[in-house]
């Protein structure tokens, strides 16, 4: 039966057996070659990578070098070599190399894989576990210069119990797997991290809480499939103060799909940090324009964004994509596959949805589909809309954010007069937050080219004797424009479920003016908010405002 490699690091400690000849059955020979691809260990110190920013810059530069000048498959190929007593040489088996190459394909995202091994004579091993002086005298180097060699005593049982990598290494059924020696090759920058990893596999603890070294250990633990160490590094990193820099770095970590659950809490914490920091997206818009794609996705995933409306989210997404991806084809790809699914078109205004259809940055077919789905949602019954927003499969697409202006459903007519009907739905908890003097404003809607909005208030009645619910219609200030409008306010009531007219009249608007009623339902606030109130249907207050312009 295969061991449970995902088990937590708790349990008995074998720290006493680490690198001890008395408690070991094999020798692990570690060849360190040039190639500092993950600062934080030996070889990286000279680079000055004392901060996460240095770490990230060094990794990015290393990835670019690999893309330009090396065969990635060759970089990822790992062959295991064992001591063949008959010849006194380290030997590699082609079939074994093939199997391990396939295994390495599962770690495609990693860029710091060991290089192919070479044949060489075994070193002399001292009592302290270090190799002898003659260990680098007669190497036959195939691709990379070996800087130094380190040998330690290991227990194959302990390593195999913690890692599928070592489990397969010591139980692959080949005759070499029965031999005493095994050789690994790593880059200079991975040396400290590998030693920390091996120590962790014995003791279940790490001797560092430095973020750059923890990241190195996390990377090499992913490479050698030590899930318990990945989880431990993730916990330690989450306990450190989070910054925008570190959060973005955690979202950019390469990790195999099979190991993703080990670092998921860390990436979730990074996403939550970014979403909270940029909650007021309007305030931090200039700073957010420089955030990479993974960070933008984390921000847009949040339901708590404090923005004027979903229109503002859409405008930001288009602006960011144009700045980050100047090439139209690439921009359309990123928008279509990564960002548009995070825009909640169903809560955008019809005016903005028309602009979506005409936007050249979007694939026209996809834009049409998004707008059509949004319009169908707006036309759906309120109970169906609430069901979609509550369903775990569709909630991310239909849930409302913390909009400054409440979304509306608007129906427009051109004949016989310019007319529109605006529907405003307010939840009971939203209304309760109005007390004692709060306000809720709706999105703007347009009639005959002029912008209007609705606002709900908690007021004192005219005699200042009690609080009550008020509804007002305002016109967006636009110079000295004067518009006369016939209006009617209505609310849906139980048990009929029909809209009942509350007030109607006509009013001549000039810029910035408003008309409405301080006590729309002619009852005190406690009666309006009561559980058995006639005006809340399934916890929602449904309001309607009908506007008609009969005079130019």
Protein backbone atom coordinates (compact mmCIF):
# COMPACT_ATOMS: atom_id res chain seq x y z
CA UNK A 1 0.00 0.00 0.00
CA UNK A 2 1.37 3.42 -0.91
CA UNK A 3 2.18 5.76 1.98
CA UNK A 4 0.12 8.87 2.71
CA UNK A 5 2.47 11.59 1.47
CA UNK A 6 -0.01 14.41 2.17
CA UNK A 7 -0.10 13.74 5.92
CA UNK A 8 0.84 16.63 8.17
CA UNK A 9 4.36 16.87 9.53
CA UNK A 10 3.23 15.95 13.05
CA UNK A 11 4.25 12.69 14.65
CA UNK A 12 7.56 11.29 15.87
CA UNK A 13 10.71 13.25 15.12
CA UNK A 14 13.70 11.53 13.55
CA UNK A 15 15.95 14.56 13.87
CA UNK A 16 18.55 12.44 15.67
CA UNK A 17 18.96 10.29 12.55
CA UNK A 18 19.66 13.09 10.06
CA UNK A 19 23.04 12.55 8.38
CA UNK A 20 23.92 9.85 10.90
CA UNK A 21 25.82 6.79 9.67
CA UNK A 22 24.33 4.69 12.47
CA UNK A 23 20.73 5.25 11.39
CA UNK A 24 21.18 5.39 7.61
CA UNK A 25 21.16 2.80 4.87
CA UNK A 26 22.27 4.95 1.91
CA UNK A 27 24.43 7.88 0.89
CA UNK A 28 22.94 10.77 -1.04
CA UNK A 29 25.48 12.56 -3.20
CA UNK A 30 24.46 16.13 -4.09
CA UNK A 31 26.21 17.78 -7.01
CA UNK A 32 25.97 21.58 -7.01
CA UNK A 33 26.24 23.20 -10.42
CA UNK A 34 26.28 26.82 -11.58
CA UNK A 35 22.95 28.45 -12.35
CA UNK A 36 21.39 30.68 -9.69
CA UNK A 37 17.74 30.46 -10.60
CA UNK A 38 16.18 30.97 -7.18
CA UNK A 39 17.88 33.53 -4.94
CA UNK A 40 17.87 33.04 -1.23
CA UNK A 41 20.40 30.21 -0.98
CA UNK A 42 24.14 29.92 -1.55
CA UNK A 43 25.09 31.57 -4.79
CA UNK A 44 22.20 33.98 -4.49
CA UNK A 45 23.61 35.98 -1.63
CA UNK A 46 26.05 37.64 -3.98
CA UNK A 47 23.08 38.85 -6.00
CA UNK A 48 21.84 40.86 -3.00
CA UNK A 49 18.47 39.08 -2.92
CA UNK A 50 17.60 40.01 0.63
CA UNK A 51 14.04 41.09 -0.16
CA UNK A 52 11.05 39.60 -1.92
CA UNK A 53 11.42 42.19 -4.67
CA UNK A 54 14.99 41.03 -5.37
CA UNK A 55 13.81 37.42 -5.27
CA UNK A 56 11.06 38.07 -7.80
CA UNK A 57 13.30 40.08 -10.13
CA UNK A 58 15.97 37.38 -10.07
CA UNK A 59 13.46 34.63 -10.82
CA UNK A 60 11.97 36.62 -13.67
CA UNK A 61 15.40 37.27 -15.17
CA UNK A 62 16.29 33.59 -14.84
CA UNK A 63 13.07 32.52 -16.57
CA UNK A 64 13.80 34.87 -19.46
CA UNK A 65 17.31 33.41 -19.79
CA UNK A 66 15.91 29.90 -19.88
CA UNK A 67 13.41 30.84 -22.57
CA UNK A 68 16.07 32.49 -24.70
CA UNK A 69 18.89 30.01 -24.53
CA UNK A 70 17.94 26.59 -23.20
CA UNK A 71 15.86 23.59 -24.01
CA UNK A 72 13.25 23.51 -21.24
CA UNK A 73 12.70 19.79 -21.59
CA UNK A 74 16.40 19.12 -21.07
CA UNK A 75 16.32 21.40 -18.04
CA UNK A 76 13.46 19.39 -16.55
CA UNK A 77 14.92 15.95 -17.23
CA UNK A 78 16.13 14.24 -14.09
CA UNK A 79 18.02 10.93 -14.25
CA UNK A 80 18.89 8.95 -11.15
CA UNK A 81 22.31 7.30 -10.80
CA UNK A 82 23.33 4.54 -8.49
CA UNK A 83 26.61 2.88 -7.68
CA UNK A 84 27.22 -0.26 -9.73
CA UNK A 85 29.67 -2.35 -7.69
CA UNK A 86 30.78 -4.39 -10.70
CA UNK A 87 32.28 -1.40 -12.51
CA UNK A 88 32.89 1.12 -9.77
CA UNK A 89 31.05 3.73 -11.89
CA UNK A 90 27.84 5.68 -11.49
CA UNK A 91 25.41 4.38 -14.06
CA UNK A 92 22.15 5.64 -15.52
CA UNK A 93 19.46 3.52 -17.06
CA UNK A 94 17.79 4.87 -20.22
CA UNK A 95 14.43 3.36 -19.30
CA UNK A 96 14.62 4.97 -15.89
CA UNK A 97 15.44 8.31 -17.49
CA UNK A 98 12.43 7.99 -19.74
CA UNK A 99 10.09 7.26 -16.87
CA UNK A 100 11.38 10.16 -14.82
CA UNK A 101 11.17 12.50 -17.81
CA UNK A 102 7.47 11.71 -17.98
CA UNK A 103 7.15 12.36 -14.26
CA UNK A 104 8.86 15.73 -14.70
CA UNK A 105 6.28 16.74 -17.29
CA UNK A 106 3.81 16.99 -14.42
CA UNK A 107 5.93 19.84 -13.07
CA UNK A 108 5.85 21.88 -16.24
CA UNK A 109 5.39 25.17 -14.45
CA UNK A 110 8.67 24.89 -12.53
CA UNK A 111 11.74 26.53 -14.02
CA UNK A 112 14.40 25.33 -11.62
CA UNK A 113 14.58 21.60 -12.40
CA UNK A 114 17.84 19.61 -11.99
CA UNK A 115 19.82 18.99 -15.16
CA UNK A 116 20.79 15.60 -16.60
CA UNK A 117 23.31 13.55 -14.63
CA UNK A 118 26.78 12.48 -15.79
CA UNK A 119 28.93 9.39 -15.27
CA UNK A 120 31.77 9.77 -12.80
CA UNK A 121 33.74 7.97 -10.13
CA UNK A 122 32.30 7.90 -6.62
CA UNK A 123 33.82 10.13 -3.94
CA UNK A 124 35.33 9.10 -0.65
CA UNK A 125 32.95 9.89 2.18
CA UNK A 126 34.27 11.20 5.46
CA UNK A 127 32.85 10.49 8.88
CA UNK A 128 31.03 13.84 8.92
CA UNK A 129 29.16 13.11 5.72
CA UNK A 130 31.23 15.46 3.51
CA UNK A 131 32.97 14.18 0.40
CA UNK A 132 36.75 13.80 0.17
CA UNK A 133 39.29 16.07 -1.50
CA UNK A 134 39.43 14.00 -4.70
CA UNK A 135 35.72 14.26 -5.39
CA UNK A 136 36.06 16.76 -8.26
CA UNK A 137 39.23 15.49 -9.89
CA UNK A 138 37.95 13.43 -12.81
CA UNK A 139 34.44 14.47 -13.73
CA UNK A 140 33.14 14.12 -17.25
CA UNK A 141 30.82 17.15 -17.63
CA UNK A 142 28.09 16.96 -20.25
CA UNK A 143 26.36 20.33 -19.91
CA UNK A 144 27.05 22.29 -16.69
CA UNK A 145 30.13 22.83 -14.56
CA UNK A 146 29.98 21.15 -11.16
CA UNK A 147 31.03 23.63 -8.48
CA UNK A 148 31.15 21.29 -5.49
CA UNK A 149 29.82 18.02 -4.15
CA UNK A 150 28.13 17.32 -0.82
CA UNK A 151 27.37 13.83 0.49
CA UNK A 152 25.11 12.97 3.42
CA UNK A 153 23.85 9.81 5.03
CA UNK A 154 20.12 9.19 4.52
CA UNK A 155 17.44 6.75 5.56
CA UNK A 156 15.56 5.63 2.47
CA UNK A 157 12.53 4.68 4.59
CA UNK A 158 12.19 8.17 6.09
CA UNK A 159 12.61 9.97 2.77
CA UNK A 160 10.30 7.57 0.94
CA UNK A 161 7.60 8.03 3.60
CA UNK A 162 7.61 11.80 3.03
CA UNK A 163 7.96 12.06 -0.74
CA UNK A 164 6.62 10.21 -3.81
CA UNK A 165 9.81 11.32 -5.55
CA UNK A 166 12.05 9.35 -3.18
CA UNK A 167 9.49 6.56 -2.83
CA UNK A 168 9.73 5.88 -6.58
CA UNK A 169 13.49 6.35 -6.48
CA UNK A 170 13.95 3.62 -3.89
CA UNK A 171 11.21 1.23 -5.06
CA UNK A 172 11.28 1.29 -8.86
CA UNK A 173 12.18 -2.39 -9.09
CA UNK A 174 15.54 -1.86 -10.80
CA UNK A 175 18.65 -3.54 -9.46
CA UNK A 176 20.28 -0.14 -8.98
CA UNK A 177 17.58 0.76 -6.46
CA UNK A 178 19.11 -1.82 -4.12
CA UNK A 179 22.50 -0.08 -4.12
CA UNK A 180 23.87 2.14 -1.41
CA UNK A 181 24.53 5.37 -3.33
CA UNK A 182 22.21 7.83 -5.09
CA UNK A 183 23.12 11.09 -6.79
CA UNK A 184 21.12 14.27 -7.30
CA UNK A 185 22.16 17.43 -9.12
CA UNK A 186 20.91 20.88 -8.13
CA UNK A 187 21.84 24.47 -8.85
CA UNK A 188 23.93 26.49 -6.43
CA UNK A 189 20.97 28.60 -5.39
CA UNK A 190 19.03 25.50 -4.33
CA UNK A 191 21.66 24.14 -1.94
CA UNK A 192 20.44 25.75 1.30
CA UNK A 193 16.82 25.05 0.43
CA UNK A 194 17.50 21.36 -0.27
CA UNK A 195 19.38 20.92 3.01
CA UNK A 196 16.51 22.57 4.89
CA UNK A 197 14.07 20.30 3.07
CA UNK A 198 15.99 17.14 3.93
CA UNK A 199 16.23 18.24 7.56
CA UNK A 200 12.47 18.93 7.61
CA UNK A 201 11.73 15.43 6.34
CA UNK A 202 13.43 14.09 9.48
CA UNK A 203 12.32 16.65 12.07
CA UNK A 204 9.09 18.18 10.74
CA UNK A 205 10.36 21.71 11.37
CA UNK A 206 12.37 24.44 9.67
CA UNK A 207 15.17 26.56 11.13
CA UNK A 208 14.18 29.74 9.26
CA UNK A 209 11.28 32.15 8.87
CA UNK A 210 12.99 34.38 6.30
CA UNK A 211 10.51 34.82 3.43
CA UNK A 212 13.01 34.45 0.58
CA UNK A 213 14.43 31.21 1.95
CA UNK A 214 10.95 29.93 2.75
CA UNK A 215 10.01 30.53 -0.88
CA UNK A 216 13.10 28.64 -2.02
CA UNK A 217 12.19 25.73 0.27
CA UNK A 218 8.61 25.82 -1.00
CA UNK A 219 9.85 25.64 -4.60
CA UNK A 220 12.19 22.73 -4.00
CA UNK A 221 9.60 20.93 -1.86
CA UNK A 222 7.27 21.17 -4.85
CA UNK A 223 10.01 19.77 -7.08
CA UNK A 224 10.64 16.78 -4.83
CA UNK A 225 6.95 16.37 -3.96
CA UNK A 226 7.18 16.88 -0.20
CA UNK A 227 3.61 18.05 0.38
CA UNK A 228 3.94 18.37 4.15
CA UNK A 229 6.85 20.80 3.75
CA UNK A 230 4.96 22.83 1.14
CA UNK A 231 2.05 23.11 3.55
CA UNK A 232 4.38 24.11 6.40
CA UNK A 233 6.08 26.80 4.29
CA UNK A 234 2.67 28.09 3.25
CA UNK A 235 1.62 28.38 6.90
CA UNK A 236 4.81 30.22 7.86
CA UNK A 237 4.50 32.64 4.94
CA UNK A 238 0.87 33.35 5.82
CA UNK A 239 1.94 34.22 9.37
CA UNK A 240 4.29 36.94 8.08
CA UNK A 241 3.02 40.47 7.31
CA UNK A 242 1.53 40.55 3.81
CA UNK A 243 2.32 43.33 1.34
CA UNK A 244 1.20 44.01 -2.21
CA UNK A 245 4.63 42.85 -3.37
CA UNK A 246 4.50 39.55 -1.49
CA UNK A 247 0.84 38.89 -2.40
CA UNK A 248 1.58 39.27 -6.11
CA UNK A 249 4.63 37.03 -5.73
CA UNK A 250 2.58 34.27 -4.07
CA UNK A 251 0.07 34.40 -6.93
CA UNK A 252 2.93 33.98 -9.41
CA UNK A 253 4.51 30.92 -7.79
CA UNK A 254 4.87 27.90 -10.11
CA UNK A 255 3.23 24.84 -8.64
CA UNK A 256 2.16 21.53 -10.13
CA UNK A 257 -1.54 20.84 -10.30
CA UNK A 258 -1.26 17.82 -8.05
CA UNK A 259 0.37 19.92 -5.33
CA UNK A 260 -1.89 22.96 -5.64
CA UNK A 261 -3.90 22.18 -2.50
CA UNK A 262 -0.79 22.53 -0.34
CA UNK A 263 -0.30 26.20 -1.25
CA UNK A 264 -3.96 27.07 -1.85
CA UNK A 265 -4.36 28.71 1.58
CA UNK A 266 -1.40 30.97 0.79
CA UNK A 267 -2.75 32.03 -2.60
CA UNK A 268 -6.21 32.51 -1.08
CA UNK A 269 -4.71 34.78 1.58
CA UNK A 270 -2.88 36.74 -1.13
CA UNK A 271 -6.09 37.19 -3.11
CA UNK A 272 -7.98 38.30 -0.01
CA UNK A 273 -5.25 40.81 0.86
CA UNK A 274 -5.33 42.38 -2.61
CA UNK A 275 -9.13 42.46 -2.68
CA UNK A 276 -9.23 44.22 0.69
CA UNK A 277 -6.46 46.70 -0.09
CA UNK A 278 -8.01 47.73 -3.41
CA UNK A 279 -11.59 47.54 -2.20
CA UNK A 280 -12.02 51.22 -3.02
CA UNK A 281 -10.89 50.72 -6.60
CA UNK A 282 -11.69 54.29 -7.63
CA UNK A 283 -9.34 55.68 -4.98
CA UNK A 284 -6.47 53.35 -5.94
CA UNK A 285 -7.10 53.21 -9.69
CA UNK A 286 -3.74 54.72 -10.70
CA UNK A 287 -1.86 52.25 -8.50
CA UNK A 288 -3.99 49.35 -9.69
CA UNK A 289 -3.10 50.11 -13.30
CA UNK A 290 0.39 48.69 -12.62
CA UNK A 291 -0.80 45.45 -11.02
CA UNK A 292 -0.22 42.31 -13.15
CA UNK A 293 -3.00 40.10 -14.46
CA UNK A 294 -3.16 37.63 -11.55
CA UNK A 295 -3.59 40.50 -9.10
CA UNK A 296 -6.32 42.16 -11.19
CA UNK A 297 -8.20 38.86 -11.32
CA UNK A 298 -8.04 38.58 -7.53
CA UNK A 299 -9.42 42.10 -7.13
CA UNK A 300 -12.23 41.69 -9.67
CA UNK A 301 -13.31 38.40 -8.08
CA UNK A 302 -14.37 40.22 -4.91
CA UNK A 303 -18.00 41.04 -4.10
CA UNK A 304 -16.92 43.85 -1.77
CA UNK A 305 -15.49 46.29 -4.30
CA UNK A 306 -16.67 49.79 -3.46
CA UNK A 307 -17.30 51.32 -6.87
CA UNK A 308 -19.91 53.65 -8.26
CA UNK A 309 -21.38 50.90 -10.44
CA UNK A 310 -20.40 47.93 -12.57
CA UNK A 311 -19.95 50.42 -15.41
CA UNK A 312 -16.85 51.68 -13.58
CA UNK A 313 -15.49 48.12 -13.35
CA UNK A 314 -15.90 47.64 -17.09
CA UNK A 315 -14.23 50.98 -17.87
CA UNK A 316 -11.29 50.08 -15.61
CA UNK A 317 -10.86 46.65 -17.23
CA UNK A 318 -10.73 48.14 -20.73
CA UNK A 319 -8.33 50.88 -19.64
CA UNK A 320 -6.03 48.40 -17.88
CA UNK A 321 -6.02 45.97 -20.82
CA UNK A 322 -5.12 48.75 -23.26
CA UNK A 323 -2.21 49.84 -21.07
CA UNK A 324 -0.86 46.33 -20.41
CA UNK A 325 -1.47 44.74 -23.84
CA UNK A 326 -0.88 47.23 -26.67
CA UNK A 327 -1.37 44.57 -29.35
CA UNK A 328 -5.05 44.22 -30.21
CA UNK A 329 -4.98 40.46 -30.80
CA UNK A 330 -3.32 39.76 -27.46
CA UNK A 331 -5.60 42.22 -25.69
CA UNK A 332 -8.71 40.56 -27.05
CA UNK A 333 -7.41 37.17 -25.91
CA UNK A 334 -6.77 38.35 -22.35
CA UNK A 335 -10.08 40.18 -22.13
CA UNK A 336 -12.06 37.30 -23.58
CA UNK A 337 -10.54 34.48 -21.57
CA UNK A 338 -9.49 36.09 -18.28
CA UNK A 339 -11.21 39.40 -17.54
CA UNK A 340 -14.65 39.60 -19.17
CA UNK A 341 -15.89 36.59 -17.16
CA UNK A 342 -15.22 38.68 -14.03
CA UNK A 343 -17.29 41.66 -15.22
CA UNK A 344 -20.91 41.44 -14.07
CA UNK A 345 -22.66 42.73 -17.16
CA UNK A 346 -26.11 42.07 -15.69
CA UNK A 347 -25.60 45.01 -13.31
CA UNK A 348 -24.37 47.45 -15.95
CA UNK A 349 -26.61 50.17 -17.32
CA UNK A 350 -28.22 49.71 -20.72
CA UNK A 351 -26.42 52.84 -21.86
CA UNK A 352 -23.05 51.21 -21.13
CA UNK A 353 -24.13 47.86 -22.61
CA UNK A 354 -24.65 49.62 -25.93
CA UNK A 355 -21.03 50.78 -25.77
CA UNK A 356 -19.91 47.22 -25.07
CA UNK A 357 -21.38 46.14 -28.41
CA UNK A 358 -19.42 48.86 -30.20
CA UNK A 359 -16.09 48.26 -28.40
CA UNK A 360 -13.35 47.24 -30.83
CA UNK A 361 -11.24 45.73 -28.03
CA UNK A 362 -13.71 42.87 -27.63
CA UNK A 363 -14.59 39.95 -29.83
CA UNK A 364 -17.95 40.97 -31.27
CA UNK A 365 -19.53 37.55 -30.87
CA UNK A 366 -18.50 37.33 -27.22
CA UNK A 367 -19.60 40.91 -26.52
CA UNK A 368 -23.00 40.19 -28.05
CA UNK A 369 -23.39 37.09 -25.91
CA UNK A 370 -22.50 39.01 -22.71
CA UNK A 371 -24.95 41.81 -23.48
CA UNK A 372 -27.74 39.39 -24.43
CA UNK A 373 -27.34 37.46 -21.19
CA UNK A 374 -27.37 40.73 -19.24
CA UNK A 375 -30.59 41.91 -20.88
CA UNK A 376 -32.28 38.56 -20.29
CA UNK A 377 -31.31 38.76 -16.62
CA UNK A 378 -32.71 42.29 -16.34
CA UNK A 379 -35.99 41.11 -17.88
CA UNK A 380 -36.24 38.12 -15.55
CA UNK A 381 -38.59 37.98 -12.58
CA UNK A 382 -37.10 39.24 -9.29
CA UNK A 383 -37.32 35.82 -7.62
CA UNK A 384 -35.39 34.28 -10.53
CA UNK A 385 -32.73 36.97 -10.25
CA UNK A 386 -32.33 36.26 -6.54
CA UNK A 387 -32.08 32.53 -7.23
CA UNK A 388 -29.29 33.07 -9.76
CA UNK A 389 -27.42 35.32 -7.34
CA UNK A 390 -27.74 32.70 -4.57
CA UNK A 391 -26.83 29.65 -6.66
CA UNK A 392 -23.27 28.51 -5.98
CA UNK A 393 -22.70 27.85 -9.71
CA UNK A 394 -23.83 31.29 -10.90
CA UNK A 395 -23.44 33.57 -7.88
CA UNK A 396 -20.11 35.00 -9.01
CA UNK A 397 -21.68 36.13 -12.27
CA UNK A 398 -24.87 37.64 -10.86
CA UNK A 399 -24.02 38.75 -7.29
CA UNK A 400 -24.04 42.48 -6.66
CA UNK A 401 -20.95 44.25 -5.37
CA UNK A 402 -20.89 47.06 -2.80
CA UNK A 403 -22.03 49.59 -5.38
CA UNK A 404 -22.22 53.23 -4.38
CA UNK A 405 -25.22 53.56 -6.70
CA UNK A 406 -27.89 50.84 -6.71
CA UNK A 407 -28.53 49.06 -10.03
CA UNK A 408 -31.86 49.68 -11.75
CA UNK A 409 -34.01 47.89 -14.24
CA UNK A 410 -35.16 50.43 -16.87
CA UNK A 411 -37.70 50.10 -19.69
CA UNK A 412 -37.78 52.90 -22.29
CA UNK A 413 -40.41 53.99 -24.84
CA UNK A 414 -40.22 56.53 -27.65
CA UNK A 415 -43.93 56.83 -28.53
CA UNK A 416 -46.37 58.40 -28.09
CA UNK A 417 -44.11 60.37 -25.72
CA UNK A 418 -40.59 59.85 -24.44
CA UNK A 419 -41.20 57.65 -21.42
CA UNK A 420 -39.27 55.31 -19.13
CA UNK A 421 -40.06 53.06 -16.18
CA UNK A 422 -37.32 52.55 -13.59
CA UNK A 423 -37.49 49.66 -11.09
CA UNK A 424 -35.49 49.92 -7.86
CA UNK A 425 -35.24 46.91 -5.49
CA UNK A 426 -33.96 47.40 -1.94
CA UNK A 427 -33.30 44.58 0.52
CA UNK A 428 -34.68 44.86 4.04
CA UNK A 429 -31.16 45.04 5.50
CA UNK A 430 -30.29 47.87 3.12
CA UNK A 431 -33.33 49.79 4.28
CA UNK A 432 -32.52 49.14 7.94
CA UNK A 433 -29.12 50.75 7.45
CA UNK A 434 -30.81 53.99 6.38
CA UNK A 435 -31.96 54.68 9.93
CA UNK A 436 -31.81 57.37 11.25
CA UNK A 437 -30.69 59.68 8.42
CA UNK A 438 -29.09 57.57 5.66
CA UNK A 439 -29.55 57.69 1.89
CA UNK A 440 -29.28 55.26 -1.01
CA UNK A 441 -28.79 56.56 -4.55
CA UNK A 442 -29.58 54.63 -7.72
CA UNK A 443 -27.60 54.47 -10.91
CA UNK A 444 -28.40 57.15 -13.42
CA UNK A 445 -30.98 56.47 -16.12
CA UNK A 446 -31.75 58.60 -19.14
CA UNK A 447 -34.87 60.03 -20.74
CA UNK A 448 -34.73 62.24 -23.83
CA UNK A 449 -30.98 62.66 -23.36
CA UNK A 450 -31.28 63.85 -19.77
CA UNK A 451 -29.95 61.90 -16.77
CA UNK A 452 -32.12 61.14 -13.73
CA UNK A 453 -31.71 59.11 -10.54
CA UNK A 454 -33.77 57.85 -7.58
CA UNK A 455 -32.82 58.23 -3.94
CA UNK A 456 -34.29 56.54 -0.87
CA UNK A 457 -34.08 58.34 2.48
CA UNK A 458 -34.89 57.92 6.13
CA UNK A 459 -36.42 61.26 7.14
CA UNK A 460 -38.28 62.94 9.93
CA UNK A 461 -41.85 63.73 8.96
CA UNK A 462 -42.84 67.36 8.44
CA UNK A 463 -43.93 67.71 12.07
CA UNK A 464 -40.63 66.08 13.18
CA UNK A 465 -42.50 63.61 15.32
CA UNK A 466 -41.27 60.31 13.82
CA UNK A 467 -38.93 58.79 11.25
CA UNK A 468 -40.30 57.58 7.92
CA UNK A 469 -39.26 56.24 4.50
CA UNK A 470 -38.96 58.74 1.66
CA UNK A 471 -38.39 58.43 -2.09
CA UNK A 472 -37.11 61.19 -4.39
CA UNK A 473 -36.49 61.68 -8.11
CA UNK A 474 -33.56 63.87 -9.08
CA UNK A 475 -32.07 65.20 -12.29
CA UNK A 476 -28.35 65.23 -12.86
CA UNK A 477 -27.07 68.78 -12.96
CA UNK A 478 -26.36 69.81 -16.50
CA UNK A 479 -26.11 73.56 -16.99
CA UNK A 480 -29.37 75.48 -17.04
CA UNK A 481 -31.42 72.70 -18.68
CA UNK A 482 -35.11 72.80 -17.82
CA UNK A 483 -37.32 69.70 -18.31
CA UNK A 484 -40.97 69.18 -17.30
CA UNK A 485 -41.74 65.57 -16.38
CA UNK A 486 -44.93 63.73 -15.44
CA UNK A 487 -43.97 61.23 -12.76
CA UNK A 488 -45.54 58.48 -10.68
CA UNK A 489 -44.15 56.57 -7.68
CA UNK A 490 -45.46 53.07 -6.98
CA UNK A 491 -44.57 50.12 -4.73
CA UNK A 492 -45.34 46.42 -4.94
CA UNK A 493 -47.49 45.20 -2.06
CA UNK A 494 -48.71 41.93 -0.66
CA UNK A 495 -50.78 39.84 -1.01
CA UNK A 496 -51.62 40.96 -4.57
CA UNK A 497 -48.00 41.46 -5.61
CA UNK A 498 -49.13 44.28 -7.87
CA UNK A 499 -47.61 47.75 -7.95
CA UNK A 500 -49.78 50.25 -6.13
CA UNK A 501 -49.51 53.93 -7.04
CA UNK A 502 -48.48 56.07 -4.07
CA UNK A 503 -47.97 59.54 -5.54
CA UNK A 504 -48.07 61.17 -8.96
CA UNK A 505 -47.65 64.66 -10.36
CA UNK A 506 -45.53 66.76 -12.66
CA UNK A 507 -42.45 68.77 -11.98
CA UNK A 508 -40.20 71.15 -13.91
CA UNK A 509 -36.60 70.19 -13.28
CA UNK A 510 -33.68 72.54 -13.49
CA UNK A 511 -30.09 71.44 -12.92
CA UNK A 512 -29.62 69.68 -9.60
CA UNK A 513 -33.25 69.82 -8.45
CA UNK A 514 -35.29 66.90 -7.08
CA UNK A 515 -38.89 66.04 -6.27
CA UNK A 516 -40.28 63.39 -3.94
CA UNK A 517 -42.08 62.48 -0.72
CA UNK A 518 -40.66 62.39 2.79
CA UNK A 519 -43.15 59.74 3.93
CA UNK A 520 -43.89 57.60 0.88
CA UNK A 521 -46.00 55.03 2.74
CA UNK A 522 -47.61 57.44 5.23
CA UNK A 523 -46.52 55.31 8.20
CA UNK A 524 -43.78 55.63 10.87
CA UNK A 525 -40.44 53.90 10.34
CA UNK A 526 -41.03 51.01 12.81
CA UNK A 527 -44.26 50.05 11.03
CA UNK A 528 -42.55 50.27 7.64
CA UNK A 529 -39.71 47.97 8.81
CA UNK A 530 -41.92 45.50 10.69
CA UNK A 531 -41.59 41.81 9.79
CA UNK A 532 -45.20 41.69 8.63
CA UNK A 533 -44.90 44.90 6.60
CA UNK A 534 -47.02 44.91 3.45
CA UNK A 535 -44.17 46.40 1.45
CA UNK A 536 -41.44 43.76 1.81
CA UNK A 537 -41.93 40.70 -0.38
CA UNK A 538 -39.47 37.94 0.53
CA UNK A 539 -37.38 40.58 2.26
CA UNK A 540 -37.23 42.95 -0.74
CA UNK A 541 -38.87 46.34 -1.25
CA UNK A 542 -39.88 46.82 -4.91
CA UNK A 543 -40.21 50.44 -6.03
CA UNK A 544 -41.17 51.85 -9.41
CA UNK A 545 -40.85 55.32 -10.89
CA UNK A 546 -42.54 56.17 -14.19
CA UNK A 547 -41.43 59.29 -16.07
CA UNK A 548 -43.01 60.86 -19.15
CA UNK A 549 -41.95 64.01 -20.96
CA UNK A 550 -44.92 65.66 -22.64
CA UNK A 551 -43.39 69.06 -23.06
CA UNK A 552 -40.15 69.79 -24.90
